[in-house]
All heavy atoms as atom14 arrays in JSON, in Angstrom:
{
  "sequence": "VFLNLILNAEQAMRGNKQGGRLNITARVDQEGH",
  "atom14_mask": [
    [1, 1, 1, 1, 1, 1, 1, 0, 0, 0, 0, 0, 0, 0],
    [1, 1, 1, 1, 1, 1, 1, 1, 1, 1, 1, 0, 0, 0],
    [1, 1, 1, 1, 1, 1, 1, 1, 0, 0, 0, 0, 0, 0],
    [1, 1, 1, 1, 1, 1, 1, 1, 0, 0, 0, 0, 0, 0],
    [1, 1, 1, 1, 1, 1, 1, 1, 0, 0, 0, 0, 0, 0],
    [1, 1, 1, 1, 1, 1, 1, 1, 0, 0, 0, 0, 0, 0],
    [1, 1, 1, 1, 1, 1, 1, 1, 0, 0, 0, 0, 0, 0],
    [1, 1, 1, 1, 1, 1, 1, 1, 0, 0, 0, 0, 0, 0],
    [1, 1, 1, 1, 1, 0, 0, 0, 0, 0, 0, 0, 0, 0],
    [1, 1, 1, 1, 1, 1, 1, 1, 1, 0, 0, 0, 0, 0],
    [1, 1, 1, 1, 1, 1, 1, 1, 1, 0, 0, 0, 0, 0],
    [1, 1, 1, 1, 1, 0, 0, 0, 0, 0, 0, 0, 0, 0],
    [1, 1, 1, 1, 1, 1, 1, 1, 0, 0, 0, 0, 0, 0],
    [1, 1, 1, 1, 1, 1, 1, 1, 1, 1, 1, 0, 0, 0],
    [1, 1, 1, 1, 0, 0, 0, 0, 0, 0, 0, 0, 0, 0],
    [1, 1, 1, 1, 1, 1, 1, 1, 0, 0, 0, 0, 0, 0],
    [1, 1, 1, 1, 1, 1, 1, 1, 1, 0, 0, 0, 0, 0],
    [1, 1, 1, 1, 1, 1, 1, 1, 1, 0, 0, 0, 0, 0],
    [1, 1, 1, 1, 0, 0, 0, 0, 0, 0, 0, 0, 0, 0],
    [1, 1, 1, 1, 0, 0, 0, 0, 0, 0, 0, 0, 0, 0],
    [1, 1, 1, 1, 1, 1, 1, 1, 1, 1, 1, 0, 0, 0],
    [1, 1, 1, 1, 1, 1, 1, 1, 0, 0, 0, 0, 0, 0],
    [1, 1, 1, 1, 1, 1, 1, 1, 0, 0, 0, 0, 0, 0],
    [1, 1, 1, 1, 1, 1, 1, 1, 0, 0, 0, 0, 0, 0],
    [1, 1, 1, 1, 1, 1, 1, 0, 0, 0, 0, 0, 0, 0],
    [1, 1, 1, 1, 1, 0, 0, 0, 0, 0, 0, 0, 0, 0],
    [1, 1, 1, 1, 1, 1, 1, 1, 1, 1, 1, 0, 0, 0],
    [1, 1, 1, 1, 1, 1, 1, 0, 0, 0, 0, 0, 0, 0],
    [1, 1, 1, 1, 1, 1, 1, 1, 0, 0, 0, 0, 0, 0],
    [1, 1, 1, 1, 1, 1, 1, 1, 1, 0, 0, 0, 0, 0],
    [1, 1, 1, 1, 1, 1, 1, 1, 1, 0, 0, 0, 0, 0],
    [1, 1, 1, 1, 0, 0, 0, 0, 0, 0, 0, 0, 0, 0],
    [1, 1, 1, 1, 1, 1, 1, 1, 1, 1, 0, 0, 0, 0]
  ],
  "atom14_positions": [
    [[0.84, -1.23, -0.01], [0.02, 0.0, 0.0], [0.89, 1.26, -0.02], [0.69, 2.15, -0.84], [-0.94, 0.02, 1.21], [-1.61, 1.38, 1.4], [-2.03, -1.09, 1.06], [0.0, 0.0, 0.0], [0.0, 0.0, 0.0], [0.0, 0.0, 0.0], [0.0, 0.0, 0.0], [0.0, 0.0, 0.0], [0.0, 0.0, 0.0], [0.0, 0.0, 0.0]],
    [[1.83, 1.33, 0.93], [2.65, 2.5, 1.09], [3.55, 2.71, -0.12], [3.76, 3.85, -0.61], [3.5, 2.41, 2.34], [2.69, 2.35, 3.61], [3.19, 1.72, 4.78], [1.39, 2.85, 3.67], [2.42, 1.68, 5.93], [0.63, 2.78, 4.8], [1.16, 2.17, 5.95], [0.0, 0.0, 0.0], [0.0, 0.0, 0.0], [0.0, 0.0, 0.0]],
    [[4.08, 1.63, -0.7], [4.96, 1.77, -1.83], [4.17, 2.3, -3.05], [4.64, 3.16, -3.79], [5.58, 0.42, -2.21], [6.6, 0.42, -3.34], [7.75, 1.41, -3.05], [7.18, -1.0, -3.58], [0.0, 0.0, 0.0], [0.0, 0.0, 0.0], [0.0, 0.0, 0.0], [0.0, 0.0, 0.0], [0.0, 0.0, 0.0], [0.0, 0.0, 0.0]],
    [[2.94, 1.81, -3.25], [2.14, 2.31, -4.33], [1.83, 3.79, -4.22], [1.84, 4.59, -5.19], [0.82, 1.54, -4.46], [0.94, 0.32, -5.42], [1.04, 0.5, -6.62], [0.97, -0.83, -4.82], [0.0, 0.0, 0.0], [0.0, 0.0, 0.0], [0.0, 0.0, 0.0], [0.0, 0.0, 0.0], [0.0, 0.0, 0.0], [0.0, 0.0, 0.0]],
    [[1.52, 4.22, -3.06], [1.26, 5.67, -2.77], [2.47, 6.52, -3.01], [2.38, 7.61, -3.53], [0.7, 5.86, -1.37], [-0.69, 5.28, -1.11], [-1.08, 5.41, 0.4], [-1.75, 5.91, -1.96], [0.0, 0.0, 0.0], [0.0, 0.0, 0.0], [0.0, 0.0, 0.0], [0.0, 0.0, 0.0], [0.0, 0.0, 0.0], [0.0, 0.0, 0.0]],
    [[3.66, 6.01, -2.63], [4.91, 6.71, -2.84], [5.19, 6.82, -4.36], [5.57, 7.86, -4.89], [6.09, 6.06, -2.14], [5.84, 6.19, -0.59], [7.4, 6.67, -2.52], [6.84, 5.4, 0.24], [0.0, 0.0, 0.0], [0.0, 0.0, 0.0], [0.0, 0.0, 0.0], [0.0, 0.0, 0.0], [0.0, 0.0, 0.0], [0.0, 0.0, 0.0]],
    [[4.96, 5.72, -5.08], [5.15, 5.7, -6.54], [4.26, 6.73, -7.25], [4.67, 7.43, -8.14], [4.94, 4.3, -7.08], [6.02, 3.23, -6.77], [5.52, 1.84, -7.16], [7.32, 3.57, -7.49], [0.0, 0.0, 0.0], [0.0, 0.0, 0.0], [0.0, 0.0, 0.0], [0.0, 0.0, 0.0], [0.0, 0.0, 0.0], [0.0, 0.0, 0.0]],
    [[2.96, 6.73, -6.8], [2.05, 7.71, -7.41], [2.51, 9.14, -7.16], [2.4, 10.01, -8.04], [0.67, 7.5, -6.81], [-0.04, 6.27, -7.43], [0.37, 5.76, -8.43], [-1.07, 5.83, -6.78], [0.0, 0.0, 0.0], [0.0, 0.0, 0.0], [0.0, 0.0, 0.0], [0.0, 0.0, 0.0], [0.0, 0.0, 0.0], [0.0, 0.0, 0.0]],
    [[2.99, 9.41, -5.93], [3.5, 10.75, -5.63], [4.7, 11.08, -6.45], [4.82, 12.21, -6.96], [3.83, 10.84, -4.12], [0.0, 0.0, 0.0], [0.0, 0.0, 0.0], [0.0, 0.0, 0.0], [0.0, 0.0, 0.0], [0.0, 0.0, 0.0], [0.0, 0.0, 0.0], [0.0, 0.0, 0.0], [0.0, 0.0, 0.0], [0.0, 0.0, 0.0]],
    [[5.59, 10.09, -6.68], [6.78, 10.33, -7.54], [6.37, 10.77, -8.94], [6.84, 11.76, -9.49], [7.6, 9.03, -7.62], [8.43, 8.72, -6.42], [9.21, 7.43, -6.62], [9.49, 7.13, -7.8], [9.49, 6.72, -5.65], [0.0, 0.0, 0.0], [0.0, 0.0, 0.0], [0.0, 0.0, 0.0], [0.0, 0.0, 0.0], [0.0, 0.0, 0.0]],
    [[5.47, 10.03, -9.46], [5.01, 10.33, -10.86], [4.27, 11.67, -10.94], [4.4, 12.43, -11.94], [4.1, 9.22, -11.4], [4.86, 7.91, -11.61], [3.96, 6.79, -12.14], [2.76, 6.85, -11.96], [4.6, 5.79, -12.7], [0.0, 0.0, 0.0], [0.0, 0.0, 0.0], [0.0, 0.0, 0.0], [0.0, 0.0, 0.0], [0.0, 0.0, 0.0]],
    [[3.53, 12.05, -9.9], [2.82, 13.35, -9.87], [3.79, 14.48, -9.78], [3.48, 15.57, -10.31], [1.84, 13.37, -8.73], [0.0, 0.0, 0.0], [0.0, 0.0, 0.0], [0.0, 0.0, 0.0], [0.0, 0.0, 0.0], [0.0, 0.0, 0.0], [0.0, 0.0, 0.0], [0.0, 0.0, 0.0], [0.0, 0.0, 0.0], [0.0, 0.0, 0.0]],
    [[4.94, 14.28, -9.16], [5.89, 15.36, -8.98], [7.02, 15.35, -10.02], [7.89, 16.22, -10.0], [6.53, 15.22, -7.56], [5.57, 15.49, -6.41], [6.37, 15.46, -4.8], [6.7, 13.69, -4.6], [0.0, 0.0, 0.0], [0.0, 0.0, 0.0], [0.0, 0.0, 0.0], [0.0, 0.0, 0.0], [0.0, 0.0, 0.0], [0.0, 0.0, 0.0]],
    [[6.96, 14.39, -10.93], [7.99, 14.34, -11.92], [7.96, 15.58, -12.8], [6.95, 16.0, -13.31], [7.83, 13.09, -12.79], [9.0, 12.74, -13.7], [8.8, 11.37, -14.31], [8.87, 10.33, -13.22], [8.43, 9.1, -13.38], [7.87, 8.74, -14.51], [8.56, 8.23, -12.42], [0.0, 0.0, 0.0], [0.0, 0.0, 0.0], [0.0, 0.0, 0.0]],
    [[9.15, 16.23, -13.0], [9.26, 17.45, -13.83], [8.97, 18.7, -13.06], [8.94, 19.8, -13.63], [0.0, 0.0, 0.0], [0.0, 0.0, 0.0], [0.0, 0.0, 0.0], [0.0, 0.0, 0.0], [0.0, 0.0, 0.0], [0.0, 0.0, 0.0], [0.0, 0.0, 0.0], [0.0, 0.0, 0.0], [0.0, 0.0, 0.0], [0.0, 0.0, 0.0]],
    [[8.74, 18.61, -11.76], [8.54, 19.8, -10.91], [9.87, 20.59, -10.87], [10.87, 20.11, -10.38], [8.08, 19.42, -9.53], [7.49, 20.59, -8.73], [7.99, 21.71, -8.83], [6.41, 20.32, -8.02], [0.0, 0.0, 0.0], [0.0, 0.0, 0.0], [0.0, 0.0, 0.0], [0.0, 0.0, 0.0], [0.0, 0.0, 0.0], [0.0, 0.0, 0.0]],
    [[9.84, 21.85, -11.36], [11.07, 22.62, -11.48], [11.62, 22.99, -10.13], [12.83, 23.15, -9.93], [10.81, 23.86, -12.28], [10.47, 23.57, -13.73], [10.25, 24.83, -14.56], [9.93, 24.49, -15.98], [9.69, 25.74, -16.81], [0.0, 0.0, 0.0], [0.0, 0.0, 0.0], [0.0, 0.0, 0.0], [0.0, 0.0, 0.0], [0.0, 0.0, 0.0]],
    [[10.73, 23.18, -9.11], [11.19, 23.52, -7.75], [11.67, 22.33, -6.94], [12.1, 22.44, -5.82], [10.1, 24.25, -7.0], [9.86, 25.7, -7.4], [8.91, 25.76, -8.59], [8.08, 24.9, -8.79], [9.03, 26.83, -9.35], [0.0, 0.0, 0.0], [0.0, 0.0, 0.0], [0.0, 0.0, 0.0], [0.0, 0.0, 0.0], [0.0, 0.0, 0.0]],
    [[11.54, 21.15, -7.55], [11.84, 19.92, -6.8], [10.64, 19.41, -6.06], [9.8, 20.18, -5.64], [0.0, 0.0, 0.0], [0.0, 0.0, 0.0], [0.0, 0.0, 0.0], [0.0, 0.0, 0.0], [0.0, 0.0, 0.0], [0.0, 0.0, 0.0], [0.0, 0.0, 0.0], [0.0, 0.0, 0.0], [0.0, 0.0, 0.0], [0.0, 0.0, 0.0]],
    [[10.56, 18.08, -5.97], [9.43, 17.48, -5.32], [9.54, 17.46, -3.8], [10.64, 17.41, -3.3], [0.0, 0.0, 0.0], [0.0, 0.0, 0.0], [0.0, 0.0, 0.0], [0.0, 0.0, 0.0], [0.0, 0.0, 0.0], [0.0, 0.0, 0.0], [0.0, 0.0, 0.0], [0.0, 0.0, 0.0], [0.0, 0.0, 0.0], [0.0, 0.0, 0.0]],
    [[8.35, 17.51, -3.16], [8.33, 17.41, -1.67], [7.27, 16.4, -1.27], [6.1, 16.57, -1.61], [8.02, 18.76, -0.99], [9.05, 19.83, -1.25], [8.82, 21.03, -0.38], [7.44, 21.52, -0.51], [7.04, 22.37, -1.47], [7.93, 22.8, -2.34], [5.83, 22.8, -1.53], [0.0, 0.0, 0.0], [0.0, 0.0, 0.0], [0.0, 0.0, 0.0]],
    [[7.68, 15.35, -0.62], [6.77, 14.35, -0.11], [6.79, 14.38, 1.38], [7.83, 14.14, 2.03], [7.17, 12.99, -0.65], [6.4, 11.79, -0.11], [4.91, 11.89, -0.55], [6.95, 10.42, -0.6], [0.0, 0.0, 0.0], [0.0, 0.0, 0.0], [0.0, 0.0, 0.0], [0.0, 0.0, 0.0], [0.0, 0.0, 0.0], [0.0, 0.0, 0.0]],
    [[5.61, 14.73, 1.96], [5.48, 14.78, 3.41], [4.66, 13.57, 3.85], [3.53, 13.38, 3.42], [4.77, 16.08, 3.83], [5.5, 17.3, 3.36], [6.75, 17.34, 3.38], [4.76, 18.34, 2.96], [0.0, 0.0, 0.0], [0.0, 0.0, 0.0], [0.0, 0.0, 0.0], [0.0, 0.0, 0.0], [0.0, 0.0, 0.0], [0.0, 0.0, 0.0]],
    [[5.23, 12.77, 4.72], [4.54, 11.58, 5.27], [4.27, 11.84, 6.77], [5.25, 12.06, 7.54], [5.38, 10.3, 5.03], [5.67, 10.12, 3.58], [4.63, 9.11, 5.66], [6.51, 8.89, 3.28], [0.0, 0.0, 0.0], [0.0, 0.0, 0.0], [0.0, 0.0, 0.0], [0.0, 0.0, 0.0], [0.0, 0.0, 0.0], [0.0, 0.0, 0.0]],
    [[3.03, 11.79, 7.12], [2.62, 12.06, 8.49], [1.86, 10.85, 9.03], [0.96, 10.3, 8.33], [1.72, 13.28, 8.59], [2.38, 14.38, 7.96], [1.34, 13.62, 10.0], [0.0, 0.0, 0.0], [0.0, 0.0, 0.0], [0.0, 0.0, 0.0], [0.0, 0.0, 0.0], [0.0, 0.0, 0.0], [0.0, 0.0, 0.0], [0.0, 0.0, 0.0]],
    [[2.16, 10.44, 10.25], [1.46, 9.36, 10.95], [0.96, 9.92, 12.26], [1.73, 10.44, 13.04], [2.33, 8.15, 11.11], [0.0, 0.0, 0.0], [0.0, 0.0, 0.0], [0.0, 0.0, 0.0], [0.0, 0.0, 0.0], [0.0, 0.0, 0.0], [0.0, 0.0, 0.0], [0.0, 0.0, 0.0], [0.0, 0.0, 0.0], [0.0, 0.0, 0.0]],
    [[-0.33, 9.78, 12.53], [-0.88, 10.36, 13.76], [-2.08, 9.52, 14.2], [-2.48, 8.57, 13.52], [-1.33, 11.81, 13.52], [-2.47, 11.96, 12.52], [-2.72, 13.41, 12.18], [-3.97, 13.59, 11.44], [-4.15, 13.35, 10.14], [-3.14, 12.85, 9.43], [-5.3, 13.58, 9.57], [0.0, 0.0, 0.0], [0.0, 0.0, 0.0], [0.0, 0.0, 0.0]],
    [[-2.69, 9.89, 15.34], [-3.88, 9.2, 15.85], [-5.01, 10.21, 15.93], [-4.83, 11.31, 16.45], [-3.58, 8.61, 17.26], [-4.79, 7.83, 17.78], [-2.38, 7.68, 17.19], [0.0, 0.0, 0.0], [0.0, 0.0, 0.0], [0.0, 0.0, 0.0], [0.0, 0.0, 0.0], [0.0, 0.0, 0.0], [0.0, 0.0, 0.0], [0.0, 0.0, 0.0]],
    [[-6.19, 9.82, 15.47], [-7.34, 10.75, 15.57], [-8.06, 10.57, 16.86], [-7.65, 9.77, 17.72], [-8.29, 10.6, 14.36], [-8.96, 9.21, 14.37], [-8.8, 8.46, 15.34], [-9.65, 8.91, 13.37], [0.0, 0.0, 0.0], [0.0, 0.0, 0.0], [0.0, 0.0, 0.0], [0.0, 0.0, 0.0], [0.0, 0.0, 0.0], [0.0, 0.0, 0.0]],
    [[-9.14, 11.34, 17.04], [-9.86, 11.33, 18.32], [-10.52, 9.99, 18.6], [-10.79, 9.62, 19.73], [-10.92, 12.42, 18.33], [-10.3, 13.84, 18.26], [-11.4, 14.91, 18.27], [-12.59, 14.61, 18.11], [-10.96, 16.16, 18.46], [0.0, 0.0, 0.0], [0.0, 0.0, 0.0], [0.0, 0.0, 0.0], [0.0, 0.0, 0.0], [0.0, 0.0, 0.0]],
    [[-10.85, 9.26, 17.52], [-11.48, 7.93, 17.72], [-10.45, 6.8, 17.95], [-10.83, 5.66, 18.1], [-12.32, 7.57, 16.47], [-13.62, 8.33, 16.36], [-13.43, 9.76, 15.89], [-12.42, 9.94, 15.22], [-14.24, 10.62, 16.23], [0.0, 0.0, 0.0], [0.0, 0.0, 0.0], [0.0, 0.0, 0.0], [0.0, 0.0, 0.0], [0.0, 0.0, 0.0]],
    [[-9.15, 7.17, 17.9], [-8.14, 6.21, 18.17], [-7.63, 5.48, 16.93], [-6.85, 4.52, 17.06], [0.0, 0.0, 0.0], [0.0, 0.0, 0.0], [0.0, 0.0, 0.0], [0.0, 0.0, 0.0], [0.0, 0.0, 0.0], [0.0, 0.0, 0.0], [0.0, 0.0, 0.0], [0.0, 0.0, 0.0], [0.0, 0.0, 0.0], [0.0, 0.0, 0.0]],
    [[-8.02, 5.92, 15.72], [-7.53, 5.31, 14.5], [-6.13, 5.88, 14.15], [-5.79, 7.06, 14.47], [-8.45, 5.58, 13.33], [-9.84, 5.08, 13.5], [-10.92, 5.9, 13.69], [-10.32, 3.81, 13.58], [-12.02, 5.17, 13.85], [-11.68, 3.88, 13.78], [0.0, 0.0, 0.0], [0.0, 0.0, 0.0], [0.0, 0.0, 0.0], [0.0, 0.0, 0.0]]
  ]
}
């Protein structure tokens, strides 16, 4: 799952003149997920 999402992000940022930025955040919501 994570590798596919990273690959999609790579392709979306390909050719970005300012350089690509991938921010990965992991947290817990109020329901505990």
